[in-house]
Amino acid sequence: MNRFDFSAESLGFTEDFMGPATWRAAIAELVGTMLFVFVGAGAVVTVTGVLPLKPVTSVDGGQLVAIALAHGLAIAVIVAATARISGGHINPAVTFATAITGRLKAAFGLFYIVSQLTGAVLGAFLLHLVITSSKRGDLGAHALNTDALSSHFAGVIVEIILTFVLVFTVFATAIDRRGFGNLAPIAIGMAVLVDHFVGVPLTGASMNPARSFGPALVANAWSDHWVYWLGPLTGGGLAGLFYYHVYMKPPEEPELEER
């Protein structure tokens, strides 16, 4: 059997790929990501006095708690609402991890990511519409706190670790059938929440390329943007591969010797 099958069918490009179920899932990812960006980035804009998160050191303890709670509770609610429709990814890093571990066909993964990025842009644009021009700042776009980080690569490492925590939790509670099942959204929301406590003062705590991309595009704030793709995709991929191969993949049967 060929383990590296890259045929159109194996990648998910089948006759029913663009069927109603696929569209419903993609729309759920679009709407879910749109709402997550509007609430998460909106919390940053409002609780910091409608100013950008730069310099990040200007965020006090109360603001940090509010931002963490907004992101954590929002993702918990949205994942719970979309889990039975699309799996509740709401994050290209989660989709990437499920795709490379074979839990999602590549075609569906690509469709999900396009939907998530589109939703993120719409969420940021809606925030742009409701906030007056003098108060929009960079719409909560992420940027590195270079005063606290030793280098840009240190920011990548922070995002790798934060996203590893999140995606490991996703696999352990939502993807693994032995996980918490209906309680998975709460665990995932808690992972996002606690990651924000350490991540906001350093990188802004993205863990989600779509969350970073939407505000960056609408506000034209691209500072260090590459970090918010490389870090989350690497951390998510590592977490998915680690959990799958260590805890989910069944051991291979030994080959019978010819007699």
C-alpha atoms as a PDB file:
ATOM      1  CA  MET A   1       0.000   0.000   0.000  1.00  0.00           C
ATOM      2  CA  ASN A   2       1.342   3.444  -0.933  1.00  0.00           C
ATOM      3  CA  ARG A   3       1.476   5.629   2.170  1.00  0.00           C
ATOM      4  CA  PHE A   4       2.142   8.753   0.108  1.00  0.00           C
ATOM      5  CA  ASP A   5      -0.922   8.868  -2.103  1.00  0.00           C
ATOM      6  CA  PHE A   6      -1.325  12.330  -3.616  1.00  0.00           C
ATOM      7  CA  SER A   7      -4.135  11.518  -6.005  1.00  0.00           C
ATOM      8  CA  ALA A   8      -7.043  13.943  -6.317  1.00  0.00           C
ATOM      9  CA  GLU A   9      -9.326  11.497  -4.512  1.00  0.00           C
ATOM     10  CA  SER A  10      -6.940  10.985  -1.600  1.00  0.00           C
ATOM     11  CA  LEU A  11      -6.599  14.752  -1.199  1.00  0.00           C
ATOM     12  CA  GLY A  12     -10.368  15.116  -1.006  1.00  0.00           C
ATOM     13  CA  PHE A  13     -11.111  16.470  -4.482  1.00  0.00           C
ATOM     14  CA  THR A  14     -14.026  14.134  -5.121  1.00  0.00           C
ATOM     15  CA  GLU A  15     -17.342  14.659  -6.888  1.00  0.00           C
ATOM     16  CA  ASP A  16     -19.123  15.579  -3.649  1.00  0.00           C
ATOM     17  CA  PHE A  17     -16.343  17.876  -2.390  1.00  0.00           C
ATOM     18  CA  MET A  18     -18.363  21.018  -3.093  1.00  0.00           C
ATOM     19  CA  GLY A  19     -21.603  19.540  -1.787  1.00  0.00           C
ATOM     20  CA  PRO A  20     -23.976  21.168   0.723  1.00  0.00           C
ATOM     21  CA  ALA A  21     -22.206  19.701   3.769  1.00  0.00           C
ATOM     22  CA  THR A  22     -18.893  21.220   2.701  1.00  0.00           C
ATOM     23  CA  TRP A  23     -20.437  24.633   2.143  1.00  0.00           C
ATOM     24  CA  ARG A  24     -22.230  24.521   5.490  1.00  0.00           C
ATOM     25  CA  ALA A  25     -18.942  23.682   7.219  1.00  0.00           C
ATOM     26  CA  ALA A  26     -17.047  26.420   5.371  1.00  0.00           C
ATOM     27  CA  ILE A  27     -19.691  29.026   6.175  1.00  0.00           C
ATOM     28  CA  ALA A  28     -19.601  27.980   9.828  1.00  0.00           C
ATOM     29  CA  GLU A  29     -15.826  28.513   9.856  1.00  0.00           C
ATOM     30  CA  LEU A  30     -16.224  31.890   8.147  1.00  0.00           C
ATOM     31  CA  VAL A  31     -18.919  33.145  10.522  1.00  0.00           C
ATOM     32  CA  GLY A  32     -17.203  31.707  13.587  1.00  0.00           C
ATOM     33  CA  THR A  33     -13.867  33.334  12.751  1.00  0.00           C
ATOM     34  CA  MET A  34     -15.576  36.620  11.906  1.00  0.00           C
ATOM     35  CA  LEU A  35     -17.240  36.706  15.326  1.00  0.00           C
ATOM     36  CA  PHE A  36     -14.055  35.647  17.114  1.00  0.00           C
ATOM     37  CA  VAL A  37     -12.008  38.424  15.501  1.00  0.00           C
ATOM     38  CA  PHE A  38     -14.688  41.024  16.122  1.00  0.00           C
ATOM     39  CA  VAL A  39     -14.932  40.110  19.820  1.00  0.00           C
ATOM     40  CA  GLY A  40     -11.233  39.418  20.427  1.00  0.00           C
ATOM     41  CA  ALA A  41      -9.786  42.359  18.521  1.00  0.00           C
ATOM     42  CA  GLY A  42     -12.690  44.484  19.741  1.00  0.00           C
ATOM     43  CA  ALA A  43     -11.733  43.732  23.330  1.00  0.00           C
ATOM     44  CA  VAL A  44      -8.166  44.873  22.652  1.00  0.00           C
ATOM     45  CA  VAL A  45      -9.345  48.113  21.064  1.00  0.00           C
ATOM     46  CA  THR A  46     -11.864  48.955  23.774  1.00  0.00           C
ATOM     47  CA  VAL A  47     -10.147  47.932  27.020  1.00  0.00           C
ATOM     48  CA  THR A  48      -6.862  49.584  26.081  1.00  0.00           C
ATOM     49  CA  GLY A  49      -8.691  52.870  25.548  1.00  0.00           C
ATOM     50  CA  VAL A  50      -9.213  52.209  21.835  1.00  0.00           C
ATOM     51  CA  LEU A  51      -5.484  52.298  21.239  1.00  0.00           C
ATOM     52  CA  PRO A  52      -3.259  49.694  19.540  1.00  0.00           C
ATOM     53  CA  LEU A  53      -1.371  47.140  21.629  1.00  0.00           C
ATOM     54  CA  LYS A  54       1.905  48.959  20.991  1.00  0.00           C
ATOM     55  CA  PRO A  55       3.822  49.307  23.160  1.00  0.00           C
ATOM     56  CA  VAL A  56       2.496  46.107  24.685  1.00  0.00           C
ATOM     57  CA  THR A  57       3.960  47.056  28.067  1.00  0.00           C
ATOM     58  CA  SER A  58       1.243  49.712  28.346  1.00  0.00           C
ATOM     59  CA  VAL A  59      -1.369  47.004  29.057  1.00  0.00           C
ATOM     60  CA  ASP A  60      -2.030  46.828  32.795  1.00  0.00           C
ATOM     61  CA  GLY A  61      -3.228  43.822  34.789  1.00  0.00           C
ATOM     62  CA  GLY A  62      -6.916  44.605  34.463  1.00  0.00           C
ATOM     63  CA  GLN A  63      -6.656  45.074  30.724  1.00  0.00           C
ATOM     64  CA  LEU A  64      -4.717  41.824  30.412  1.00  0.00           C
ATOM     65  CA  VAL A  65      -7.414  39.885  32.261  1.00  0.00           C
ATOM     66  CA  ALA A  66     -10.155  41.448  30.141  1.00  0.00           C
ATOM     67  CA  ILE A  67      -8.366  40.627  26.871  1.00  0.00           C
ATOM     68  CA  ALA A  68      -7.653  37.060  27.997  1.00  0.00           C
ATOM     69  CA  LEU A  69     -11.242  36.496  29.110  1.00  0.00           C
ATOM     70  CA  ALA A  70     -12.664  37.935  25.888  1.00  0.00           C
ATOM     71  CA  HIS A  71     -10.591  35.638  23.694  1.00  0.00           C
ATOM     72  CA  GLY A  72     -10.949  32.554  25.896  1.00  0.00           C
ATOM     73  CA  LEU A  73     -14.700  32.809  26.443  1.00  0.00           C
ATOM     74  CA  ALA A  74     -15.347  33.791  22.829  1.00  0.00           C
ATOM     75  CA  ILE A  75     -13.529  30.775  21.415  1.00  0.00           C
ATOM     76  CA  ALA A  76     -15.253  28.449  23.895  1.00  0.00           C
ATOM     77  CA  VAL A  77     -18.693  29.678  22.848  1.00  0.00           C
ATOM     78  CA  ILE A  78     -17.922  29.684  19.116  1.00  0.00           C
ATOM     79  CA  VAL A  79     -16.305  26.227  19.148  1.00  0.00           C
ATOM     80  CA  ALA A  80     -19.339  24.861  20.992  1.00  0.00           C
ATOM     81  CA  ALA A  81     -21.651  26.434  18.419  1.00  0.00           C
ATOM     82  CA  THR A  82     -19.781  25.180  15.341  1.00  0.00           C
ATOM     83  CA  ALA A  83     -18.295  21.869  16.498  1.00  0.00           C
ATOM     84  CA  ARG A  84     -21.057  19.668  15.070  1.00  0.00           C
ATOM     85  CA  ILE A  85     -21.075  21.573  11.766  1.00  0.00           C
ATOM     86  CA  SER A  86     -17.410  22.019  10.896  1.00  0.00           C
ATOM     87  CA  GLY A  87     -15.468  20.682  13.857  1.00  0.00           C
ATOM     88  CA  GLY A  88     -15.086  24.205  15.250  1.00  0.00           C
ATOM     89  CA  HIS A  89     -11.538  24.880  14.065  1.00  0.00           C
ATOM     90  CA  ILE A  90     -11.774  28.718  13.791  1.00  0.00           C
ATOM     91  CA  ASN A  91      -7.997  28.710  13.323  1.00  0.00           C
ATOM     92  CA  PRO A  92      -5.706  27.821  10.387  1.00  0.00           C
ATOM     93  CA  ALA A  93      -3.194  26.313  12.848  1.00  0.00           C
ATOM     94  CA  VAL A  94      -5.813  23.816  14.042  1.00  0.00           C
ATOM     95  CA  THR A  95      -6.854  23.031  10.471  1.00  0.00           C
ATOM     96  CA  PHE A  96      -3.222  22.574   9.409  1.00  0.00           C
ATOM     97  CA  ALA A  97      -2.599  20.162  12.290  1.00  0.00           C
ATOM     98  CA  THR A  98      -5.667  18.071  11.501  1.00  0.00           C
ATOM     99  CA  ALA A  99      -4.756  17.960   7.808  1.00  0.00           C
ATOM    100  CA  ILE A 100      -1.145  16.810   8.229  1.00  0.00           C
ATOM    101  CA  THR A 101      -2.239  14.075  10.645  1.00  0.00           C
ATOM    102  CA  GLY A 102      -4.849  12.786   8.218  1.00  0.00           C
ATOM    103  CA  ARG A 103      -7.821  13.836  10.309  1.00  0.00           C
ATOM    104  CA  LEU A 104      -8.995  16.148   7.520  1.00  0.00           C
ATOM    105  CA  LYS A 105      -8.552  15.899   3.762  1.00  0.00           C
ATOM    106  CA  ALA A 106      -6.239  18.506   2.245  1.00  0.00           C
ATOM    107  CA  ALA A 107      -8.971  19.909   0.007  1.00  0.00           C
ATOM    108  CA  PHE A 108     -11.248  20.542   2.964  1.00  0.00           C
ATOM    109  CA  GLY A 109      -8.349  21.989   4.932  1.00  0.00           C
ATOM    110  CA  LEU A 110      -7.601  24.504   2.198  1.00  0.00           C
ATOM    111  CA  PHE A 111     -11.281  25.440   1.949  1.00  0.00           C
ATOM    112  CA  TYR A 112     -11.442  25.881   5.733  1.00  0.00           C
ATOM    113  CA  ILE A 113      -8.395  28.157   5.808  1.00  0.00           C
ATOM    114  CA  VAL A 114      -9.718  30.365   3.005  1.00  0.00           C
ATOM    115  CA  SER A 115     -13.025  30.621   4.887  1.00  0.00           C
ATOM    116  CA  GLN A 116     -11.267  31.457   8.146  1.00  0.00           C
ATOM    117  CA  LEU A 117      -9.145  34.189   6.588  1.00  0.00           C
ATOM    118  CA  THR A 118     -12.182  35.651   4.836  1.00  0.00           C
ATOM    119  CA  GLY A 119     -14.126  35.639   8.087  1.00  0.00           C
ATOM    120  CA  ALA A 120     -11.228  37.291   9.913  1.00  0.00           C
ATOM    121  CA  VAL A 121     -11.120  40.121   7.390  1.00  0.00           C
ATOM    122  CA  LEU A 122     -14.888  40.598   7.650  1.00  0.00           C
ATOM    123  CA  GLY A 123     -14.694  40.667  11.460  1.00  0.00           C
ATOM    124  CA  ALA A 124     -11.931  43.281  11.390  1.00  0.00           C
ATOM    125  CA  PHE A 125     -13.832  45.308   8.786  1.00  0.00           C
ATOM    126  CA  LEU A 126     -16.973  45.313  10.942  1.00  0.00           C
ATOM    127  CA  LEU A 127     -14.881  46.540  13.857  1.00  0.00           C
ATOM    128  CA  HIS A 128     -13.433  49.216  11.570  1.00  0.00           C
ATOM    129  CA  LEU A 129     -16.977  50.347  10.738  1.00  0.00           C
ATOM    130  CA  VAL A 130     -18.226  50.688  14.309  1.00  0.00           C
ATOM    131  CA  ILE A 131     -15.176  52.418  15.841  1.00  0.00           C
ATOM    132  CA  THR A 132     -14.632  56.069  15.043  1.00  0.00           C
ATOM    133  CA  SER A 133     -11.617  56.783  12.850  1.00  0.00           C
ATOM    134  CA  SER A 134      -9.750  58.640  15.595  1.00  0.00           C
ATOM    135  CA  LYS A 135     -10.001  55.638  17.956  1.00  0.00           C
ATOM    136  CA  ARG A 136      -9.426  52.623  15.710  1.00  0.00           C
ATOM    137  CA  GLY A 137      -5.678  52.410  16.148  1.00  0.00           C
ATOM    138  CA  ASP A 138      -4.462  49.215  14.463  1.00  0.00           C
ATOM    139  CA  LEU A 139      -7.668  47.307  15.325  1.00  0.00           C
ATOM    140  CA  GLY A 140      -5.861  45.051  17.774  1.00  0.00           C
ATOM    141  CA  ALA A 141      -3.329  43.821  15.222  1.00  0.00           C
ATOM    142  CA  HIS A 142      -0.492  41.821  16.757  1.00  0.00           C
ATOM    143  CA  ALA A 143       3.089  43.033  17.034  1.00  0.00           C
ATOM    144  CA  LEU A 144       6.139  41.931  19.007  1.00  0.00           C
ATOM    145  CA  ASN A 145       7.188  43.634  22.209  1.00  0.00           C
ATOM    146  CA  THR A 146      10.825  44.054  21.250  1.00  0.00           C
ATOM    147  CA  ASP A 147      11.622  45.572  24.647  1.00  0.00           C
ATOM    148  CA  ALA A 148      10.769  42.268  26.357  1.00  0.00           C
ATOM    149  CA  LEU A 149      11.865  39.751  23.713  1.00  0.00           C
ATOM    150  CA  SER A 150      15.511  38.947  23.062  1.00  0.00           C
ATOM    151  CA  SER A 151      14.921  38.683  19.303  1.00  0.00           C
ATOM    152  CA  HIS A 152      12.273  38.232  16.633  1.00  0.00           C
ATOM    153  CA  PHE A 153      13.006  34.511  16.706  1.00  0.00           C
ATOM    154  CA  ALA A 154      12.151  34.566  20.420  1.00  0.00           C
ATOM    155  CA  GLY A 155       8.705  35.785  19.383  1.00  0.00           C
ATOM    156  CA  VAL A 156       8.415  32.812  17.038  1.00  0.00           C
ATOM    157  CA  ILE A 157       9.315  30.475  19.905  1.00  0.00           C
ATOM    158  CA  VAL A 158       6.663  32.069  22.134  1.00  0.00           C
ATOM    159  CA  GLU A 159       4.011  31.577  19.447  1.00  0.00           C
ATOM    160  CA  ILE A 160       5.149  27.981  18.870  1.00  0.00           C
ATOM    161  CA  ILE A 161       4.763  27.152  22.562  1.00  0.00           C
ATOM    162  CA  LEU A 162       1.442  28.940  22.982  1.00  0.00           C
ATOM    163  CA  THR A 163      -0.026  27.268  19.904  1.00  0.00           C
ATOM    164  CA  PHE A 164       1.339  23.881  20.955  1.00  0.00           C
ATOM    165  CA  VAL A 165      -0.635  24.216  24.196  1.00  0.00           C
ATOM    166  CA  LEU A 166      -3.795  25.101  22.286  1.00  0.00           C
ATOM    167  CA  VAL A 167      -3.598  22.436  19.569  1.00  0.00           C
ATOM    168  CA  PHE A 168      -2.497  19.722  21.995  1.00  0.00           C
ATOM    169  CA  THR A 169      -5.634  20.544  23.988  1.00  0.00           C
ATOM    170  CA  VAL A 170      -7.766  20.413  20.835  1.00  0.00           C
ATOM    171  CA  PHE A 171      -6.462  16.957  19.935  1.00  0.00           C
ATOM    172  CA  ALA A 172      -6.751  15.626  23.491  1.00  0.00           C
ATOM    173  CA  THR A 173     -10.298  16.834  24.103  1.00  0.00           C
ATOM    174  CA  ALA A 174     -12.025  17.203  20.731  1.00  0.00           C
ATOM    175  CA  ILE A 175     -10.298  14.993  18.154  1.00  0.00           C
ATOM    176  CA  ASP A 176      -9.352  11.998  20.288  1.00  0.00           C
ATOM    177  CA  ARG A 177     -12.557  10.007  20.812  1.00  0.00           C
ATOM    178  CA  ARG A 178     -11.434   9.264  24.357  1.00  0.00           C
ATOM    179  CA  GLY A 179     -11.414  12.983  25.155  1.00  0.00           C
ATOM    180  CA  PHE A 180     -13.903  15.128  27.029  1.00  0.00           C
ATOM    181  CA  GLY A 181     -16.286  15.430  24.071  1.00  0.00           C
ATOM    182  CA  ASN A 182     -18.939  17.961  25.027  1.00  0.00           C
ATOM    183  CA  LEU A 183     -16.560  19.612  27.497  1.00  0.00           C
ATOM    184  CA  ALA A 184     -13.906  20.192  24.813  1.00  0.00           C
ATOM    185  CA  PRO A 185     -14.961  23.815  24.091  1.00  0.00           C
ATOM    186  CA  ILE A 186     -14.415  24.726  27.738  1.00  0.00           C
ATOM    187  CA  ALA A 187     -10.943  23.168  27.781  1.00  0.00           C
ATOM    188  CA  ILE A 188     -10.035  24.861  24.498  1.00  0.00           C
ATOM    189  CA  GLY A 189     -11.282  28.213  25.769  1.00  0.00           C
ATOM    190  CA  MET A 190      -9.239  27.786  28.946  1.00  0.00           C
ATOM    191  CA  ALA A 191      -6.121  27.020  26.876  1.00  0.00           C
ATOM    192  CA  VAL A 192      -6.601  30.252  24.920  1.00  0.00           C
ATOM    193  CA  LEU A 193      -7.275  32.184  28.116  1.00  0.00           C
ATOM    194  CA  VAL A 194      -4.172  31.026  30.029  1.00  0.00           C
ATOM    195  CA  ASP A 195      -1.962  31.448  26.950  1.00  0.00           C
ATOM    196  CA  HIS A 196      -2.989  35.108  26.824  1.00  0.00           C
ATOM    197  CA  PHE A 197      -1.655  35.751  30.318  1.00  0.00           C
ATOM    198  CA  VAL A 198       1.908  35.029  29.228  1.00  0.00           C
ATOM    199  CA  GLY A 199       1.582  35.848  25.541  1.00  0.00           C
ATOM    200  CA  VAL A 200      -0.077  39.275  25.469  1.00  0.00           C
ATOM    201  CA  PRO A 201       2.900  41.131  27.021  1.00  0.00           C
ATOM    202  CA  LEU A 202       5.300  39.401  24.606  1.00  0.00           C
ATOM    203  CA  THR A 203       3.685  38.793  21.221  1.00  0.00           C
ATOM    204  CA  GLY A 204       0.045  39.695  21.744  1.00  0.00           C
ATOM    205  CA  ALA A 205      -0.770  35.950  21.997  1.00  0.00           C
ATOM    206  CA  SER A 206      -1.989  35.160  18.505  1.00  0.00           C
ATOM    207  CA  MET A 207      -1.928  31.333  18.235  1.00  0.00           C
ATOM    208  CA  ASN A 208      -4.114  31.933  15.193  1.00  0.00           C
ATOM    209  CA  PRO A 209      -2.922  33.310  11.824  1.00  0.00           C
ATOM    210  CA  ALA A 210      -6.481  34.363  10.941  1.00  0.00           C
ATOM    211  CA  ARG A 211      -6.819  36.416  14.143  1.00  0.00           C
ATOM    212  CA  SER A 212      -3.601  38.215  13.178  1.00  0.00           C
ATOM    213  CA  PHE A 213      -4.350  38.501   9.454  1.00  0.00           C
ATOM    214  CA  GLY A 214      -7.778  40.156   9.589  1.00  0.00           C
ATOM    215  CA  PRO A 215      -6.819  43.257  11.613  1.00  0.00           C
ATOM    216  CA  ALA A 216      -3.433  43.486   9.859  1.00  0.00           C
ATOM    217  CA  LEU A 217      -5.083  43.661   6.441  1.00  0.00           C
ATOM    218  CA  VAL A 218      -7.872  46.085   7.361  1.00  0.00           C
ATOM    219  CA  ALA A 219      -5.617  48.377   9.436  1.00  0.00           C
ATOM    220  CA  ASN A 220      -2.582  47.914   7.148  1.00  0.00           C
ATOM    221  CA  ALA A 221      -0.509  46.987  10.209  1.00  0.00           C
ATOM    222  CA  TRP A 222       1.985  44.343   9.063  1.00  0.00           C
ATOM    223  CA  SER A 223       4.680  44.722  11.713  1.00  0.00           C
ATOM    224  CA  ASP A 224       6.341  41.318  12.346  1.00  0.00           C
ATOM    225  CA  HIS A 225       3.387  39.656  10.627  1.00  0.00           C
ATOM    226  CA  TRP A 226       5.439  36.673   9.417  1.00  0.00           C
ATOM    227  CA  VAL A 227       5.891  35.639  13.054  1.00  0.00           C
ATOM    228  CA  TYR A 228       2.152  35.045  13.356  1.00  0.00           C
ATOM    229  CA  TRP A 229       2.194  32.523  10.532  1.00  0.00           C
ATOM    230  CA  LEU A 230       5.453  30.718  11.182  1.00  0.00           C
ATOM    231  CA  GLY A 231       4.962  30.382  14.952  1.00  0.00           C
ATOM    232  CA  PRO A 232       1.349  29.147  15.088  1.00  0.00           C
ATOM    233  CA  LEU A 233       1.632  26.804  12.078  1.00  0.00           C
ATOM    234  CA  THR A 234       4.836  25.275  13.455  1.00  0.00           C
ATOM    235  CA  GLY A 235       3.475  24.931  16.985  1.00  0.00           C
ATOM    236  CA  GLY A 236       0.148  23.579  15.791  1.00  0.00           C
ATOM    237  CA  GLY A 237       1.781  21.110  13.419  1.00  0.00           C
ATOM    238  CA  LEU A 238       4.168  19.843  16.072  1.00  0.00           C
ATOM    239  CA  ALA A 239       1.377  19.432  18.615  1.00  0.00           C
ATOM    240  CA  GLY A 240      -0.836  17.553  16.168  1.00  0.00           C
ATOM    241  CA  LEU A 241       1.936  15.218  15.014  1.00  0.00           C
ATOM    242  CA  PHE A 242       3.103  14.572  18.569  1.00  0.00           C
ATOM    243  CA  TYR A 243      -0.356  13.783  19.925  1.00  0.00           C
ATOM    244  CA  TYR A 244      -1.348  11.683  16.930  1.00  0.00           C
ATOM    245  CA  HIS A 245       1.780   9.520  16.784  1.00  0.00           C
ATOM    246  CA  VAL A 246       2.190   9.117  20.553  1.00  0.00           C
ATOM    247  CA  TYR A 247      -1.401   8.768  21.728  1.00  0.00           C
ATOM    248  CA  MET A 248      -3.716   8.094  18.770  1.00  0.00           C
ATOM    249  CA  LYS A 249      -1.955   6.140  16.022  1.00  0.00           C
ATOM    250  CA  PRO A 250      -2.371   2.378  16.503  1.00  0.00           C
ATOM    251  CA  PRO A 251       0.865   0.376  16.551  1.00  0.00           C
ATOM    252  CA  GLU A 252       1.772  -1.229  13.265  1.00  0.00           C
ATOM    253  CA  GLU A 253       1.367  -4.986  13.015  1.00  0.00           C
ATOM    254  CA  PRO A 254       4.687  -6.779  12.498  1.00  0.00           C
ATOM    255  CA  GLU A 255       5.112  -8.191   9.031  1.00  0.00           C
ATOM    256  CA  LEU A 256       4.922 -11.975   8.771  1.00  0.00           C
ATOM    257  CA  GLU A 257       8.116 -13.621   7.663  1.00  0.00           C
ATOM    258  CA  GLU A 258       7.950 -15.669   4.509  1.00  0.00           C
ATOM    259  CA  ARG A 259       8.427 -19.348   5.112  1.00  0.00           C
END
